[in-house]
Protein backbone atom coordinates (compact mmCIF):
# COMPACT_ATOMS: atom_id res chain seq x y z
CA MET A 1 20.61 -3.47 -24.04
CA GLN A 2 23.98 -1.95 -24.40
CA THR A 3 22.70 1.28 -25.64
CA LEU A 4 20.71 1.72 -22.25
CA ILE A 5 23.79 1.07 -20.35
CA ASP A 6 25.74 3.57 -22.34
CA ALA A 7 23.07 6.20 -21.80
CA MET A 8 22.88 5.58 -17.91
CA PRO A 9 25.13 8.75 -17.08
CA LEU A 10 22.92 10.83 -19.23
CA PHE A 11 19.74 9.60 -17.32
CA ARG A 12 21.25 10.02 -13.99
CA SER A 13 21.99 13.59 -14.89
CA LEU A 14 18.57 14.29 -16.18
CA TRP A 15 17.05 12.70 -13.07
CA VAL A 16 18.71 15.36 -10.85
CA VAL A 17 17.74 18.16 -13.17
CA TRP A 18 14.07 16.75 -13.12
CA PHE A 19 13.98 16.62 -9.30
CA PHE A 20 15.60 20.11 -9.10
CA VAL A 21 12.79 21.51 -11.36
CA LEU A 22 10.14 19.85 -9.39
CA PHE A 23 11.54 21.20 -6.15
CA LEU A 24 11.71 24.81 -7.63
CA GLY A 25 8.29 24.36 -8.68
CA MET A 26 6.98 23.36 -5.22
CA LEU A 27 8.76 26.35 -3.74
CA TRP A 28 7.26 28.64 -6.24
CA PHE A 29 3.69 27.27 -5.47
CA VAL A 30 4.16 27.54 -1.80
CA LEU A 31 6.02 30.84 -1.50
CA ARG A 32 4.41 32.93 -4.02
CA PRO A 33 3.02 36.33 -2.73
CA SER A 34 -0.65 35.64 -3.59
CA ARG A 35 -0.94 32.83 -1.12
CA ARG A 36 0.39 34.83 1.79
CA ALA A 37 -3.02 35.72 3.18
CA TYR A 38 -4.19 32.06 3.01
CA TYR A 39 -1.09 30.78 4.93
CA ASP A 40 -1.34 33.53 7.44
CA ALA A 41 -4.94 32.44 8.08
CA GLN A 42 -3.97 29.03 8.40
CA ALA A 43 -1.12 29.68 10.79
CA ASP A 44 -3.63 31.39 13.04
CA ILE A 45 -5.73 28.34 13.55
CA PRO A 46 -4.13 27.03 16.60
CA LEU A 47 -4.52 30.65 18.31
CA ARG A 48 -8.19 31.17 17.64
CA ASP A 49 -10.49 31.20 20.67
CA GLU A 50 -13.79 30.62 18.89
CA ALA A 51 -14.66 27.85 16.51
CA GLY A 52 -16.37 30.39 14.01
CA ASP A 53 -13.51 32.72 14.02
CA HIS A 54 -12.17 31.51 10.57
CA SER A 55 -14.80 33.92 8.56
CA ARG A 56 -12.96 37.05 9.73
CA ARG A 57 -9.50 36.03 8.44
CA PRO A 58 -8.52 37.11 4.98
CA GLY A 59 -7.77 34.18 2.73
CA ALA A 60 -9.49 31.77 4.90
CA ARG A 61 -11.89 29.27 3.14
CA SER A 62 -15.38 28.55 4.33
CA PRO A 63 -16.10 25.50 6.19
CA ARG A 64 -17.45 22.49 4.23
């Protein structure tokens, strides 16, 4: 049990590094250039007048 207590500062540092890596991964996933058309189409949803207008937007998915 004492060895775990001695290693606690290391675990705390690794925890911070782990969350930083996860945060950078999420930023990369959301902000990558290949997803721009998809997010632009999603941002347009509240401004559309017609319900079937989604098919004309690049990157928009078909309705299920």
